[in-house]
C-alpha atoms as a PDB file:
ATOM      1  CA  MET A   1      21.690   3.933  12.022  1.00  0.00           C
ATOM      2  CA  GLU A   2      21.690   1.258  14.433  1.00  0.00           C
ATOM      3  CA  LYS A   3      22.958  -1.821  14.387  1.00  0.00           C
ATOM      4  CA  TYR A   4      20.600  -5.093  15.105  1.00  0.00           C
ATOM      5  CA  THR A   5      21.278  -8.515  15.784  1.00  0.00           C
ATOM      6  CA  LEU A   6      17.861 -10.258  15.699  1.00  0.00           C
ATOM      7  CA  GLN A   7      16.903 -13.737  15.851  1.00  0.00           C
ATOM      8  CA  VAL A   8      13.733 -14.060  13.465  1.00  0.00           C
ATOM      9  CA  ASN A   9      11.989 -17.679  12.854  1.00  0.00           C
ATOM     10  CA  GLY A  10      15.107 -19.298  14.333  1.00  0.00           C
ATOM     11  CA  LYS A  11      17.860 -17.185  12.336  1.00  0.00           C
ATOM     12  CA  LEU A  12      20.262 -14.694  13.397  1.00  0.00           C
ATOM     13  CA  ARG A  13      19.616 -12.066  11.269  1.00  0.00           C
ATOM     14  CA  GLU A  14      21.907  -8.603  11.052  1.00  0.00           C
ATOM     15  CA  ILE A  15      20.549  -4.961  10.483  1.00  0.00           C
ATOM     16  CA  GLU A  16      21.341  -1.318  10.199  1.00  0.00           C
ATOM     17  CA  VAL A  17      18.247   0.630  10.604  1.00  0.00           C
ATOM     18  CA  ASP A  18      17.132   3.953  12.782  1.00  0.00           C
ATOM     19  CA  GLU A  19      16.653   2.669  16.592  1.00  0.00           C
ATOM     20  CA  ASP A  20      12.856   3.559  16.451  1.00  0.00           C
ATOM     21  CA  THR A  21      11.968   1.915  12.616  1.00  0.00           C
ATOM     22  CA  PRO A  22       9.097  -0.525  13.442  1.00  0.00           C
ATOM     23  CA  LEU A  23       9.595  -4.307  13.510  1.00  0.00           C
ATOM     24  CA  LEU A  24       6.923  -4.201  11.175  1.00  0.00           C
ATOM     25  CA  TRP A  25       9.509  -2.297   8.455  1.00  0.00           C
ATOM     26  CA  VAL A  26      12.689  -4.295   9.264  1.00  0.00           C
ATOM     27  CA  LEU A  27      10.138  -7.752   8.616  1.00  0.00           C
ATOM     28  CA  ARG A  28       8.878  -6.757   5.446  1.00  0.00           C
ATOM     29  CA  ASP A  29      11.060  -4.022   3.937  1.00  0.00           C
ATOM     30  CA  VAL A  30      14.406  -4.513   5.688  1.00  0.00           C
ATOM     31  CA  LEU A  31      14.294  -9.063   5.752  1.00  0.00           C
ATOM     32  CA  GLN A  32      11.757  -9.482   3.245  1.00  0.00           C
ATOM     33  CA  LEU A  33       9.798 -11.248   5.130  1.00  0.00           C
ATOM     34  CA  CYS A  34       5.858 -10.088   3.370  1.00  0.00           C
ATOM     35  CA  GLY A  35       3.744 -12.371   5.501  1.00  0.00           C
ATOM     36  CA  THR A  36       3.012 -10.121   8.193  1.00  0.00           C
ATOM     37  CA  LYS A  37       1.471  -6.644   6.534  1.00  0.00           C
ATOM     38  CA  PHE A  38       0.368  -3.582   7.671  1.00  0.00           C
ATOM     39  CA  GLY A  39      -3.191  -2.607   8.195  1.00  0.00           C
ATOM     40  CA  CYS A  40      -3.389  -0.003  10.446  1.00  0.00           C
ATOM     41  CA  GLY A  41      -0.257   1.480  11.994  1.00  0.00           C
ATOM     42  CA  ILE A  42      -1.508   2.075  14.884  1.00  0.00           C
ATOM     43  CA  ALA A  43      -1.914  -1.614  16.869  1.00  0.00           C
ATOM     44  CA  GLN A  44      -5.798  -1.697  16.688  1.00  0.00           C
ATOM     45  CA  CYS A  45      -6.576  -4.249  13.806  1.00  0.00           C
ATOM     46  CA  GLY A  46      -3.946  -7.103  14.592  1.00  0.00           C
ATOM     47  CA  ALA A  47      -2.875  -7.820  10.459  1.00  0.00           C
ATOM     48  CA  CYS A  48       0.867  -7.506  11.731  1.00  0.00           C
ATOM     49  CA  THR A  49       0.927  -9.117  14.220  1.00  0.00           C
ATOM     50  CA  VAL A  50       4.032 -11.448  15.511  1.00  0.00           C
ATOM     51  CA  HIS A  51       5.544 -13.365  18.682  1.00  0.00           C
ATOM     52  CA  LEU A  52       8.114 -11.490  20.820  1.00  0.00           C
ATOM     53  CA  ASP A  53       9.505 -14.490  22.545  1.00  0.00           C
ATOM     54  CA  GLY A  54       6.022 -16.497  22.103  1.00  0.00           C
ATOM     55  CA  GLN A  55       3.378 -13.434  22.751  1.00  0.00           C
ATOM     56  CA  ALA A  56       1.358 -12.415  19.863  1.00  0.00           C
ATOM     57  CA  VAL A  57       2.552  -8.571  19.563  1.00  0.00           C
ATOM     58  CA  ARG A  58       1.691  -5.466  16.772  1.00  0.00           C
ATOM     59  CA  SER A  59       5.111  -5.557  15.142  1.00  0.00           C
ATOM     60  CA  CYS A  60       3.831  -1.898  13.953  1.00  0.00           C
ATOM     61  CA  SER A  61       3.858  -0.107  17.285  1.00  0.00           C
ATOM     62  CA  ILE A  62       7.360  -1.941  18.747  1.00  0.00           C
ATOM     63  CA  PRO A  63      10.401  -0.083  18.010  1.00  0.00           C
ATOM     64  CA  ILE A  64      13.195  -2.189  16.926  1.00  0.00           C
ATOM     65  CA  ALA A  65      15.401  -0.686  19.469  1.00  0.00           C
ATOM     66  CA  SER A  66      12.677  -2.324  22.187  1.00  0.00           C
ATOM     67  CA  ILE A  67      13.700  -5.953  21.180  1.00  0.00           C
ATOM     68  CA  LYS A  68      16.744  -6.791  22.537  1.00  0.00           C
ATOM     69  CA  ASP A  69      17.194 -10.769  22.570  1.00  0.00           C
ATOM     70  CA  LYS A  70      13.357 -11.561  22.229  1.00  0.00           C
ATOM     71  CA  LYS A  71      12.881 -13.941  19.752  1.00  0.00           C
ATOM     72  CA  ILE A  72      10.444 -12.911  16.709  1.00  0.00           C
ATOM     73  CA  THR A  73       8.630 -15.338  14.906  1.00  0.00           C
ATOM     74  CA  THR A  74       6.233 -14.364  12.014  1.00  0.00           C
ATOM     75  CA  ILE A  75       3.971 -16.400   9.966  1.00  0.00           C
ATOM     76  CA  GLU A  76       6.493 -17.939   7.925  1.00  0.00           C
ATOM     77  CA  GLY A  77       8.347 -18.871  11.055  1.00  0.00           C
ATOM     78  CA  LEU A  78       5.193 -20.704  11.886  1.00  0.00           C
ATOM     79  CA  ASP A  79       6.022 -23.822  10.438  1.00  0.00           C
ATOM     80  CA  GLN A  80       8.446 -23.747   7.405  1.00  0.00           C
ATOM     81  CA  GLU A  81       6.084 -25.935   5.336  1.00  0.00           C
ATOM     82  CA  GLY A  82       3.319 -24.241   6.011  1.00  0.00           C
ATOM     83  CA  LYS A  83       1.849 -27.122   7.943  1.00  0.00           C
ATOM     84  CA  HIS A  84       0.944 -26.104  11.121  1.00  0.00           C
ATOM     85  CA  PRO A  85      -2.819 -27.084  12.729  1.00  0.00           C
ATOM     86  CA  LEU A  86      -4.276 -23.985  12.725  1.00  0.00           C
ATOM     87  CA  GLN A  87      -2.621 -23.371   8.741  1.00  0.00           C
ATOM     88  CA  GLU A  88      -3.904 -26.793   8.443  1.00  0.00           C
ATOM     89  CA  ALA A  89      -7.421 -26.034  10.025  1.00  0.00           C
ATOM     90  CA  TRP A  90      -7.573 -22.618   7.726  1.00  0.00           C
ATOM     91  CA  ARG A  91      -7.153 -24.413   4.799  1.00  0.00           C
ATOM     92  CA  LYS A  92     -10.158 -27.461   5.424  1.00  0.00           C
ATOM     93  CA  HIS A  93     -12.322 -24.760   6.372  1.00  0.00           C
ATOM     94  CA  ASP A  94     -12.011 -22.563   3.739  1.00  0.00           C
ATOM     95  CA  VAL A  95     -11.039 -19.496   6.004  1.00  0.00           C
ATOM     96  CA  PRO A  96      -9.575 -16.836   3.413  1.00  0.00           C
ATOM     97  CA  GLN A  97     -10.924 -14.882   1.339  1.00  0.00           C
ATOM     98  CA  CYS A  98      -8.961 -12.194   0.264  1.00  0.00           C
ATOM     99  CA  GLY A  99      -6.164 -13.552   2.869  1.00  0.00           C
ATOM    100  CA  TYR A 100      -5.189  -9.917   4.179  1.00  0.00           C
ATOM    101  CA  CYS A 101      -5.316 -10.129   7.823  1.00  0.00           C
ATOM    102  CA  GLN A 102      -4.819 -14.279   7.536  1.00  0.00           C
ATOM    103  CA  ALA A 103      -1.686 -14.395   9.097  1.00  0.00           C
ATOM    104  CA  GLY A 104      -2.175 -11.772  11.501  1.00  0.00           C
ATOM    105  CA  GLN A 105      -4.702 -13.995  12.547  1.00  0.00           C
ATOM    106  CA  ILE A 106      -3.538 -17.299  12.497  1.00  0.00           C
ATOM    107  CA  MET A 107      -0.621 -15.684  15.206  1.00  0.00           C
ATOM    108  CA  THR A 108      -2.736 -14.409  17.629  1.00  0.00           C
ATOM    109  CA  ALA A 109      -4.617 -17.810  17.723  1.00  0.00           C
ATOM    110  CA  ALA A 110      -1.611 -19.765  17.765  1.00  0.00           C
ATOM    111  CA  THR A 111      -0.741 -18.116  21.129  1.00  0.00           C
ATOM    112  CA  LEU A 112      -4.376 -19.084  21.942  1.00  0.00           C
ATOM    113  CA  ILE A 113      -3.847 -22.323  21.626  1.00  0.00           C
ATOM    114  CA  LYS A 114      -0.355 -22.988  22.534  1.00  0.00           C
ATOM    115  CA  GLU A 115      -1.876 -21.443  26.328  1.00  0.00           C
ATOM    116  CA  THR A 116      -5.096 -23.219  25.878  1.00  0.00           C
ATOM    117  CA  LYS A 117      -5.069 -27.088  24.396  1.00  0.00           C
ATOM    118  CA  ARG A 118      -9.159 -27.227  24.162  1.00  0.00           C
ATOM    119  CA  PRO A 119     -10.633 -23.112  24.018  1.00  0.00           C
ATOM    120  CA  THR A 120     -13.835 -22.761  24.807  1.00  0.00           C
ATOM    121  CA  SER A 121     -16.416 -20.639  21.647  1.00  0.00           C
ATOM    122  CA  GLU A 122     -15.866 -18.076  24.305  1.00  0.00           C
ATOM    123  CA  GLN A 123     -12.090 -18.686  25.064  1.00  0.00           C
ATOM    124  CA  VAL A 124     -11.831 -18.136  21.152  1.00  0.00           C
ATOM    125  CA  ASP A 125     -14.037 -14.774  21.044  1.00  0.00           C
ATOM    126  CA  GLN A 126     -12.377 -12.990  24.038  1.00  0.00           C
ATOM    127  CA  HIS A 127      -8.799 -14.296  22.508  1.00  0.00           C
ATOM    128  CA  MET A 128      -9.259 -12.981  19.207  1.00  0.00           C
ATOM    129  CA  ARG A 129     -12.029  -9.821  19.821  1.00  0.00           C
ATOM    130  CA  GLY A 130      -8.558  -7.597  18.538  1.00  0.00           C
ATOM    131  CA  ASN A 131      -8.281  -9.051  14.833  1.00  0.00           C
ATOM    132  CA  LEU A 132     -10.156  -7.224  12.570  1.00  0.00           C
ATOM    133  CA  CYS A 133     -11.292  -8.689   9.257  1.00  0.00           C
ATOM    134  CA  ARG A 134     -12.523  -6.800   6.263  1.00  0.00           C
ATOM    135  CA  CYS A 135     -14.212  -9.796   5.012  1.00  0.00           C
ATOM    136  CA  GLY A 136     -16.413 -10.912   8.077  1.00  0.00           C
ATOM    137  CA  SER A 137     -14.215 -14.444   8.160  1.00  0.00           C
ATOM    138  CA  TYR A 138     -15.085 -14.766  11.687  1.00  0.00           C
ATOM    139  CA  PRO A 139     -17.361 -17.457  11.634  1.00  0.00           C
ATOM    140  CA  LYS A 140     -15.093 -19.969   9.551  1.00  0.00           C
ATOM    141  CA  ILE A 141     -11.751 -18.582  11.906  1.00  0.00           C
ATOM    142  CA  LYS A 142     -13.725 -19.008  14.735  1.00  0.00           C
ATOM    143  CA  GLN A 143     -15.241 -22.861  13.518  1.00  0.00           C
ATOM    144  CA  ALA A 144     -10.940 -23.312  12.462  1.00  0.00           C
ATOM    145  CA  ILE A 145      -9.697 -22.121  16.081  1.00  0.00           C
ATOM    146  CA  LEU A 146     -12.270 -24.460  17.937  1.00  0.00           C
ATOM    147  CA  SER A 147     -11.201 -28.134  15.168  1.00  0.00           C
ATOM    148  CA  ILE A 148      -7.749 -27.942  16.597  1.00  0.00           C
ATOM    149  CA  ASN A 149      -7.087 -30.777  19.119  1.00  0.00           C
ATOM    150  CA  LYS A 150     -10.741 -32.154  19.076  1.00  0.00           C
END
């Protein structure tokens, strides 16, 4: 077991885990931040997406030893009150069905909105293509993203 100091959602957190423990399990099991979901375990579905220094990454495939001094943001840290423009758009457009993939969808979309203030339909499709939704909420997800900054 190794000791690590992580910056998660703006707070320093001390943990002790094996160096090959995926970030996802540190977040969920050690830090009790359960908004980030386990989907596939092989970085293919996007349910575990978090931000690492502002970039969307799949936390299931990142060993904790590789994090170093990077800032981690989970869905819980996107906006403490759940009022990030994307979270509000999700509610306004009634996006979630089962809701399982939604944190990963929002975290991925947040990087697009940060990089591209008014993304086109094609840019949304391209940016979001790696996030899977078992319920098929893609049209509502796209509608919510496109409604930002209009």
